[in-house]
Amino acid sequence: MTTKQTFHQTFQFRAYTSRAGYAQLDQVLAQQCVLYNAALEHRRTAWKMAGVRISNQAQRRELTELRRDDPHMAALSRRVQCGTLARLDRAFEAYFRRVAAGEKPGHPRFKSLRRWNTLEVDSPKHERAWLKFLPESGRAYLTLKGLPKLEMKLPEAKARYLQELNLQKKWNGLAITRRGRRVTVTMTFEVTREPRPGTGAIVGLNRGVASTLATSDGLHYQGSVPDAGRRRRLQRQLSRAVIGSRKRRKKLAVYSNFLSREALAKRNEIHRITSKLVSENDFIAIEDYDIRAMTRSGRGTVESPGTNVRLTAQLNRSIREQNWGLIEAQLAYKAAWAGKQFVKVEPQFISQDCSTCGHRRVGPFPNRIFRCRNCGLRLDQDTNAAINVLRLGRAQAGAETPGPDAPQGVC
């Protein structure tokens, strides 16, 4: 008997508006950035001067008074302004959590207008008239007080699906983001899913730089390759423009749009890979990497400067380009949606142990071929590591049988 589970599913669509609408959206973004900084200053001043901690509810009550006296603030939906205050409250919650855990605190900081590009709508479920679906035309319209009318072009099947979700009153989140020339609307719904039927297949995954993903079956997945040449050209054009000029604003919009399109292509490619892996396998194992520690700068300090700084920076850049964290996050939630098992194993000696006899050999491995000096196994280095990941994952999950036999090596 299969049991249904409830999850949050996010849909992201590109939105369009008029030229005046883009200018209006920029103005609202600037207003919310000022509101965020003012609310942060209010909290900091109250704590420094009187030792009083201002809560989110207190600031919302003050917002009501401000809207009553200021017509410019009243011209915008209160839900947008409450979303800005909720964003600040989440920043303080994360700060207190880090303090309690003994981590680096990282106190909430003031935001720059250049980096403020998202409007969050608080509790959108109370005002469903904002979003209107027209499934027959494949379009949706978002109308919110104080914001321009945003039009989204949706595939017919997805538009009908979103309309059904909207009618079920399970809308949980709404955000509007502008980066360069692109406006994106993100909607979060609460959905109920049934586990997918099992396939009986299992797989171990090894993340790398030469190949984004290598499986224990011998398959290699390569993510999208960034256009480094065009990125350098756009960066040169941007650096040559005078700061504050109209030309620089145009070049910055072009560069921002390029980065957005590049990130979208990477994410879509990873979606394709992770969806395929989850649909074809019932058990997925992957290394538990501390990516933040792996990509930490190697410069060191004045007292103890680092070594091979340039090589370390190049390796860090290569790791970040492979989007290891995004791969892990997508596999985790997609496996949960499908009712599949997903485990993470310790990565120590994964690439140095022989997947057949367990003999440990320290690299380097010429041509990325693992050659075991004990049993004579000859196998691709990443595939050998993926088989080790699968073996450890099955042992960690408590499976009765070990992993599948390793591919036959060449002696």
Protein backbone atom coordinates (compact mmCIF):
# COMPACT_ATOMS: atom_id res chain seq x y z
CA MET A 1 0.00 0.00 0.00
CA THR A 2 1.47 3.30 -1.09
CA THR A 3 1.08 6.34 1.13
CA LYS A 4 0.80 9.83 -0.24
CA GLN A 5 3.19 12.52 0.97
CA THR A 6 2.93 16.29 0.88
CA PHE A 7 5.73 18.39 -0.60
CA HIS A 8 6.34 21.94 -1.74
CA GLN A 9 6.80 22.30 -5.49
CA THR A 10 8.19 25.45 -7.09
CA PHE A 11 7.37 26.70 -10.59
CA GLN A 12 9.46 29.38 -12.24
CA PHE A 13 8.37 31.31 -15.32
CA ARG A 14 9.67 34.24 -17.26
CA ALA A 15 7.39 37.27 -17.17
CA TYR A 16 6.99 40.22 -19.52
CA THR A 17 5.69 43.74 -19.09
CA SER A 18 5.82 47.12 -20.82
CA ARG A 19 8.78 49.49 -20.84
CA ALA A 20 7.03 51.62 -18.24
CA GLY A 21 6.38 48.45 -16.26
CA TYR A 22 10.10 47.66 -16.05
CA ALA A 23 10.77 51.18 -14.76
CA GLN A 24 7.97 50.81 -12.20
CA LEU A 25 9.37 47.47 -11.07
CA ASP A 26 12.82 49.02 -10.58
CA GLN A 27 11.27 51.76 -8.47
CA VAL A 28 9.49 49.26 -6.23
CA LEU A 29 12.72 47.27 -5.82
CA ALA A 30 14.50 50.44 -4.69
CA GLN A 31 11.73 51.21 -2.20
CA GLN A 32 11.91 47.73 -0.68
CA CYS A 33 15.69 47.94 -0.39
CA VAL A 34 15.28 51.19 1.57
CA LEU A 35 12.61 49.54 3.75
CA TYR A 36 14.89 46.59 4.51
CA ASN A 37 17.80 48.82 5.51
CA ALA A 38 15.53 51.05 7.62
CA ALA A 39 14.08 48.05 9.45
CA LEU A 40 17.58 46.69 10.04
CA GLU A 41 18.77 50.05 11.41
CA HIS A 42 15.69 50.13 13.67
CA ARG A 43 16.59 46.75 15.18
CA ARG A 44 20.26 47.58 15.60
CA THR A 45 19.61 50.97 17.20
CA ALA A 46 17.02 49.58 19.63
CA TRP A 47 19.44 46.92 20.79
CA LYS A 48 22.44 49.26 21.13
CA MET A 49 20.60 52.08 22.89
CA ALA A 50 18.15 50.21 25.12
CA GLY A 51 18.95 46.50 24.82
CA VAL A 52 15.50 45.88 23.32
CA ARG A 53 14.97 43.21 20.69
CA ILE A 54 12.46 44.28 18.02
CA SER A 55 10.30 41.43 16.72
CA ASN A 56 8.86 40.95 13.26
CA GLN A 57 5.31 41.46 14.54
CA ALA A 58 6.27 44.79 16.11
CA GLN A 59 7.71 46.04 12.85
CA ARG A 60 4.58 44.95 10.98
CA ARG A 61 2.45 47.00 13.36
CA GLU A 62 4.70 50.00 12.76
CA LEU A 63 4.37 49.40 9.03
CA THR A 64 0.60 49.77 9.39
CA GLU A 65 1.08 53.18 11.01
CA LEU A 66 3.51 54.27 8.29
CA ARG A 67 1.12 53.26 5.53
CA ARG A 68 -1.61 55.31 7.19
CA ASP A 69 0.55 58.46 7.13
CA ASP A 70 2.51 57.95 3.87
CA PRO A 71 0.47 57.67 0.65
CA HIS A 72 3.50 56.45 -1.31
CA MET A 73 3.81 53.40 0.92
CA ALA A 74 0.07 52.82 0.85
CA ALA A 75 0.17 52.72 -2.96
CA LEU A 76 1.96 49.34 -2.80
CA SER A 77 0.45 46.09 -1.60
CA ARG A 78 1.13 45.51 2.09
CA ARG A 79 1.97 41.89 1.33
CA VAL A 80 5.08 42.95 -0.60
CA GLN A 81 6.30 45.12 2.28
CA CYS A 82 5.57 42.35 4.81
CA GLY A 83 7.58 40.00 2.60
CA THR A 84 10.56 42.36 2.92
CA LEU A 85 10.23 42.40 6.70
CA ALA A 86 9.93 38.61 6.75
CA ARG A 87 13.15 38.41 4.75
CA LEU A 88 14.92 40.47 7.41
CA ASP A 89 13.44 38.30 10.16
CA ARG A 90 14.78 35.15 8.49
CA ALA A 91 18.23 36.75 8.35
CA PHE A 92 18.13 37.35 12.11
CA GLU A 93 16.86 33.82 12.78
CA ALA A 94 19.79 32.42 10.81
CA TYR A 95 22.15 34.72 12.74
CA PHE A 96 20.89 33.50 16.13
CA ARG A 97 21.05 29.89 14.93
CA ARG A 98 24.71 30.29 13.94
CA VAL A 99 25.50 31.92 17.29
CA ALA A 100 23.86 29.06 19.19
CA ALA A 101 25.75 26.50 17.10
CA GLY A 102 29.10 28.20 17.72
CA GLU A 103 29.59 29.03 14.04
CA LYS A 104 30.76 32.31 12.55
CA PRO A 105 27.84 34.64 13.37
CA GLY A 106 27.66 36.82 10.25
CA HIS A 107 25.39 39.62 11.49
CA PRO A 108 22.74 40.81 8.97
CA ARG A 109 24.13 43.63 6.86
CA PHE A 110 22.70 46.54 4.94
CA LYS A 111 21.81 45.75 1.34
CA SER A 112 23.03 47.57 -1.74
CA LEU A 113 20.48 48.60 -4.33
CA ARG A 114 22.58 46.97 -7.03
CA ARG A 115 22.18 43.58 -5.31
CA TRP A 116 18.51 43.89 -4.37
CA ASN A 117 16.64 42.19 -7.19
CA THR A 118 13.82 40.15 -5.60
CA LEU A 119 10.38 41.04 -4.25
CA GLU A 120 8.83 38.50 -1.89
CA VAL A 121 5.07 38.41 -1.33
CA ASP A 122 4.00 37.43 2.15
CA SER A 123 1.08 34.99 2.55
CA PRO A 124 -0.17 35.11 -1.06
CA LYS A 125 -2.88 32.53 -0.28
CA HIS A 126 -5.11 35.30 1.08
CA GLU A 127 -5.33 37.15 -2.26
CA ARG A 128 -5.74 34.62 -5.05
CA ALA A 129 -7.23 37.17 -7.42
CA TRP A 130 -3.67 38.34 -8.12
CA LEU A 131 -3.04 35.41 -10.44
CA LYS A 132 -5.33 34.64 -13.36
CA PHE A 133 -4.83 31.56 -15.54
CA LEU A 134 -6.08 31.33 -19.12
CA PRO A 135 -5.36 27.69 -20.04
CA GLU A 136 -6.88 27.98 -23.51
CA SER A 137 -4.33 30.64 -24.49
CA GLY A 138 -1.43 29.30 -22.43
CA ARG A 139 -1.04 32.59 -20.57
CA ALA A 140 -1.17 33.73 -16.98
CA TYR A 141 -1.39 37.27 -15.63
CA LEU A 142 -0.14 38.53 -12.30
CA THR A 143 -1.69 41.76 -11.06
CA LEU A 144 -0.66 43.11 -7.68
CA LYS A 145 -1.34 46.54 -6.19
CA GLY A 146 1.53 48.92 -6.93
CA LEU A 147 3.25 46.57 -9.38
CA PRO A 148 3.02 46.46 -13.19
CA LYS A 149 0.92 43.78 -14.83
CA LEU A 150 3.13 40.77 -15.55
CA GLU A 151 2.33 38.34 -18.35
CA MET A 152 3.63 34.75 -18.36
CA LYS A 153 3.50 32.41 -21.34
CA LEU A 154 2.90 28.85 -20.16
CA PRO A 155 2.59 25.52 -21.95
CA GLU A 156 -1.07 24.50 -22.08
CA ALA A 157 -0.65 21.38 -19.93
CA LYS A 158 1.32 23.24 -17.26
CA ALA A 159 -1.15 26.13 -17.27
CA ARG A 160 -4.03 23.74 -16.58
CA TYR A 161 -2.02 22.04 -13.85
CA LEU A 162 -1.25 25.36 -12.18
CA GLN A 163 -4.89 26.35 -12.41
CA GLU A 164 -5.90 23.16 -10.61
CA LEU A 165 -3.35 23.82 -7.89
CA ASN A 166 -4.54 27.40 -7.53
CA LEU A 167 -8.17 26.30 -7.21
CA GLN A 168 -7.19 23.82 -4.50
CA LYS A 169 -5.97 26.76 -2.37
CA LYS A 170 -2.47 25.40 -1.77
CA TRP A 171 -0.48 28.41 -2.87
CA ASN A 172 2.36 28.95 -0.38
CA GLY A 173 4.85 31.42 -1.86
CA LEU A 174 5.37 34.05 -4.52
CA ALA A 175 8.50 35.97 -5.53
CA ILE A 176 9.34 38.32 -8.41
CA THR A 177 12.97 38.63 -9.49
CA ARG A 178 14.60 40.93 -12.01
CA ARG A 179 18.14 40.33 -13.19
CA GLY A 180 19.23 42.41 -16.14
CA ARG A 181 16.54 42.23 -18.81
CA ARG A 182 14.89 39.12 -17.40
CA VAL A 183 11.92 39.11 -14.98
CA THR A 184 11.10 35.80 -13.31
CA VAL A 185 8.02 34.84 -11.29
CA THR A 186 8.47 32.01 -8.80
CA MET A 187 5.41 30.29 -7.33
CA THR A 188 5.42 27.60 -4.64
CA PHE A 189 2.52 25.18 -4.19
CA GLU A 190 1.80 22.43 -1.71
CA VAL A 191 1.28 19.21 -3.65
CA THR A 192 0.52 15.61 -2.73
CA ARG A 193 2.48 12.87 -4.47
CA GLU A 194 2.46 9.08 -4.57
CA PRO A 195 5.72 7.07 -4.70
CA ARG A 196 6.75 5.89 -8.16
CA PRO A 197 6.83 2.19 -8.95
CA GLY A 198 10.19 0.55 -8.28
CA THR A 199 12.64 -0.50 -10.98
CA GLY A 200 15.00 -2.63 -8.87
CA ALA A 201 18.08 -0.74 -10.11
CA ILE A 202 20.74 0.80 -7.86
CA VAL A 203 23.50 3.27 -8.68
CA GLY A 204 26.49 4.97 -7.07
CA LEU A 205 27.57 8.44 -8.18
CA ASN A 206 30.94 10.13 -8.16
CA ARG A 207 31.17 13.87 -8.75
CA GLY A 208 34.24 15.15 -10.53
CA VAL A 209 35.76 17.91 -12.61
CA ALA A 210 36.58 16.07 -15.83
CA SER A 211 33.05 14.61 -15.77
CA THR A 212 30.28 16.20 -13.78
CA LEU A 213 28.92 12.80 -12.77
CA ALA A 214 30.18 9.24 -13.19
CA THR A 215 27.95 6.28 -12.35
CA SER A 216 28.80 2.79 -11.12
CA ASP A 217 27.37 1.50 -14.43
CA GLY A 218 30.21 3.18 -16.34
CA LEU A 219 28.21 6.15 -17.65
CA HIS A 220 29.60 9.69 -17.61
CA TYR A 221 27.52 12.86 -17.61
CA GLN A 222 29.11 16.14 -18.63
CA GLY A 223 27.36 19.36 -17.68
CA SER A 224 27.08 22.41 -19.88
CA VAL A 225 30.41 24.07 -20.69
CA PRO A 226 30.46 27.83 -19.91
CA ASP A 227 31.29 30.24 -22.72
CA ALA A 228 34.43 31.65 -21.13
CA GLY A 229 35.39 33.63 -24.24
CA ARG A 230 32.17 35.60 -24.39
CA ARG A 231 32.24 36.17 -20.64
CA ARG A 232 35.71 37.75 -20.92
CA ARG A 233 34.59 39.97 -23.81
CA LEU A 234 31.57 41.21 -21.88
CA GLN A 235 33.68 41.82 -18.80
CA ARG A 236 36.16 43.89 -20.84
CA GLN A 237 33.36 45.97 -22.32
CA LEU A 238 31.92 46.55 -18.86
CA SER A 239 35.26 47.55 -17.35
CA ARG A 240 35.92 50.08 -20.12
CA ALA A 241 32.63 51.90 -19.52
CA VAL A 242 32.61 54.91 -17.19
CA ILE A 243 31.12 54.16 -13.77
CA GLY A 244 27.70 55.78 -13.44
CA SER A 245 27.24 56.33 -17.17
CA ARG A 246 24.29 55.23 -19.25
CA LYS A 247 26.54 53.04 -21.38
CA ARG A 248 27.74 51.16 -18.32
CA ARG A 249 24.15 50.48 -17.24
CA LYS A 250 23.43 49.00 -20.67
CA LYS A 251 26.57 46.87 -20.64
CA LEU A 252 25.77 45.70 -17.13
CA ALA A 253 22.27 44.64 -18.23
CA VAL A 254 23.75 42.67 -21.15
CA TYR A 255 26.29 40.97 -18.89
CA SER A 256 23.68 40.17 -16.25
CA ASN A 257 21.40 38.68 -18.90
CA PHE A 258 24.26 36.52 -20.16
CA LEU A 259 24.93 35.19 -16.66
CA SER A 260 21.23 34.46 -16.16
CA ARG A 261 20.96 32.52 -19.41
CA GLU A 262 24.13 30.58 -18.60
CA ALA A 263 22.89 29.67 -15.12
CA LEU A 264 19.51 28.63 -16.54
CA ALA A 265 21.17 26.35 -19.10
CA LYS A 266 23.27 24.70 -16.39
CA ARG A 267 20.28 24.17 -14.13
CA ASN A 268 18.15 22.70 -16.92
CA GLU A 269 20.94 20.28 -17.87
CA ILE A 270 21.29 19.15 -14.26
CA HIS A 271 17.50 18.75 -14.05
CA ARG A 272 17.63 16.44 -17.06
CA ILE A 273 20.41 14.32 -15.55
CA THR A 274 18.98 14.06 -12.04
CA SER A 275 15.45 13.29 -13.26
CA LYS A 276 16.80 10.45 -15.38
CA LEU A 277 18.79 9.00 -12.49
CA VAL A 278 15.86 9.13 -10.06
CA SER A 279 13.38 7.62 -12.53
CA GLU A 280 15.68 4.71 -13.43
CA ASN A 281 17.00 3.77 -9.94
CA ASP A 282 15.49 2.86 -6.58
CA PHE A 283 18.69 3.41 -4.59
CA ILE A 284 21.15 6.29 -5.13
CA ALA A 285 24.39 6.82 -3.23
CA ILE A 286 26.66 9.85 -3.48
CA GLU A 287 29.69 11.27 -1.64
CA ASP A 288 29.06 13.61 1.27
CA TYR A 289 31.40 16.44 0.23
CA ASP A 290 31.92 19.60 2.27
CA ILE A 291 31.93 21.79 -0.81
CA ARG A 292 32.43 25.03 1.09
CA ALA A 293 35.61 23.71 2.70
CA MET A 294 36.84 22.25 -0.58
CA THR A 295 36.52 25.57 -2.40
CA ARG A 296 37.99 27.73 0.37
CA SER A 297 40.67 30.17 -0.74
CA GLY A 298 44.25 28.93 -0.49
CA ARG A 299 45.85 32.33 0.07
CA GLY A 300 46.23 31.81 3.81
CA THR A 301 47.23 34.65 6.10
CA VAL A 302 50.15 37.06 6.38
CA GLU A 303 51.73 34.90 9.06
CA SER A 304 51.21 31.63 7.18
CA PRO A 305 50.69 32.28 3.46
CA GLY A 306 49.30 29.46 1.34
CA THR A 307 51.13 27.50 -1.31
CA ASN A 308 50.06 26.78 -4.90
CA VAL A 309 47.51 29.56 -4.63
CA ARG A 310 46.98 29.88 -8.38
CA LEU A 311 46.48 26.13 -8.82
CA THR A 312 44.08 26.03 -5.87
CA ALA A 313 42.05 28.91 -7.31
CA GLN A 314 41.81 27.14 -10.66
CA LEU A 315 40.61 23.92 -8.98
CA ASN A 316 38.06 25.83 -6.89
CA ARG A 317 36.73 27.51 -10.01
CA SER A 318 36.39 24.16 -11.78
CA ILE A 319 34.49 22.66 -8.84
CA ARG A 320 32.07 25.58 -8.66
CA GLU A 321 31.41 25.38 -12.40
CA GLN A 322 30.21 21.76 -11.99
CA ASN A 323 27.43 22.78 -9.54
CA TRP A 324 28.01 19.89 -7.15
CA GLY A 325 25.72 21.35 -4.52
CA LEU A 326 22.84 21.78 -6.98
CA ILE A 327 23.21 18.16 -8.12
CA GLU A 328 23.01 16.90 -4.54
CA ALA A 329 20.01 19.10 -3.71
CA GLN A 330 18.04 18.02 -6.78
CA LEU A 331 18.74 14.34 -6.20
CA ALA A 332 17.67 14.64 -2.55
CA TYR A 333 14.27 16.22 -3.14
CA LYS A 334 13.47 14.27 -6.30
CA ALA A 335 14.26 11.00 -4.55
CA ALA A 336 11.98 12.03 -1.69
CA TRP A 337 9.19 12.89 -4.13
CA ALA A 338 9.51 9.56 -5.92
CA GLY A 339 9.85 7.49 -2.75
CA LYS A 340 13.38 6.41 -3.65
CA GLN A 341 16.28 5.89 -1.23
CA PHE A 342 19.08 8.47 -1.28
CA VAL A 343 22.15 8.19 0.97
CA LYS A 344 25.43 10.11 1.34
CA VAL A 345 28.68 8.35 2.29
CA GLU A 346 32.01 9.54 3.63
CA PRO A 347 34.35 10.33 0.71
CA GLN A 348 37.65 9.30 2.32
CA PHE A 349 39.78 7.08 0.04
CA ILE A 350 36.88 6.65 -2.41
CA SER A 351 39.11 7.21 -5.44
CA GLN A 352 42.12 5.34 -4.03
CA ASP A 353 40.54 1.99 -3.09
CA CYS A 354 40.19 -0.81 -5.63
CA SER A 355 36.52 -1.63 -6.15
CA THR A 356 37.34 -5.35 -6.58
CA CYS A 357 39.84 -6.26 -3.84
CA GLY A 358 39.92 -3.12 -1.69
CA HIS A 359 43.66 -2.53 -2.13
CA ARG A 360 44.52 1.13 -1.58
CA ARG A 361 46.75 2.91 -4.05
CA VAL A 362 47.81 6.54 -3.91
CA GLY A 363 47.63 8.40 -7.25
CA PRO A 364 48.21 10.05 -9.59
CA PHE A 365 46.56 7.84 -12.21
CA PRO A 366 47.81 8.40 -15.79
CA ASN A 367 45.01 9.03 -18.30
CA ARG A 368 42.54 8.81 -15.39
CA ILE A 369 42.77 4.99 -15.42
CA PHE A 370 42.84 3.18 -12.08
CA ARG A 371 45.29 0.24 -12.14
CA CYS A 372 45.30 -2.03 -9.11
CA ARG A 373 48.72 -3.48 -8.30
CA ASN A 374 47.16 -6.27 -6.24
CA CYS A 375 44.46 -7.81 -8.46
CA GLY A 376 45.29 -6.18 -11.80
CA LEU A 377 41.99 -4.32 -12.18
CA ARG A 378 42.08 -1.64 -14.87
CA LEU A 379 39.13 0.71 -14.82
CA ASP A 380 38.19 4.33 -15.30
CA GLN A 381 39.10 6.27 -12.16
CA ASP A 382 35.67 7.90 -11.75
CA THR A 383 33.79 4.65 -12.41
CA ASN A 384 35.92 2.84 -9.83
CA ALA A 385 35.12 5.57 -7.28
CA ALA A 386 31.38 5.37 -8.10
CA ILE A 387 31.40 1.61 -7.45
CA ASN A 388 33.04 2.24 -4.07
CA VAL A 389 30.38 4.83 -3.30
CA LEU A 390 27.64 2.31 -4.09
CA ARG A 391 29.26 -0.36 -1.91
CA LEU A 392 29.56 2.00 1.05
CA GLY A 393 26.05 3.33 0.51
CA ARG A 394 24.52 -0.14 0.61
CA ALA A 395 26.47 -0.98 3.74
CA GLN A 396 25.35 2.27 5.36
CA ALA A 397 21.72 1.66 4.42
CA GLY A 398 21.85 -1.81 5.96
CA ALA A 399 21.44 -3.80 2.75
CA GLU A 400 21.89 -7.56 3.20
CA THR A 401 23.82 -8.05 -0.02
CA PRO A 402 26.89 -6.11 -1.12
CA GLY A 403 26.87 -3.92 -4.19
CA PRO A 404 26.80 -5.31 -7.71
CA ASP A 405 29.94 -6.85 -9.12
CA ALA A 406 32.44 -4.39 -10.50
CA PRO A 407 32.89 -4.22 -14.27
CA GLN A 408 35.47 -6.69 -15.49
CA GLY A 409 38.92 -5.10 -15.39
CA VAL A 410 41.74 -5.56 -17.87
CA CYS A 411 44.89 -7.08 -16.36
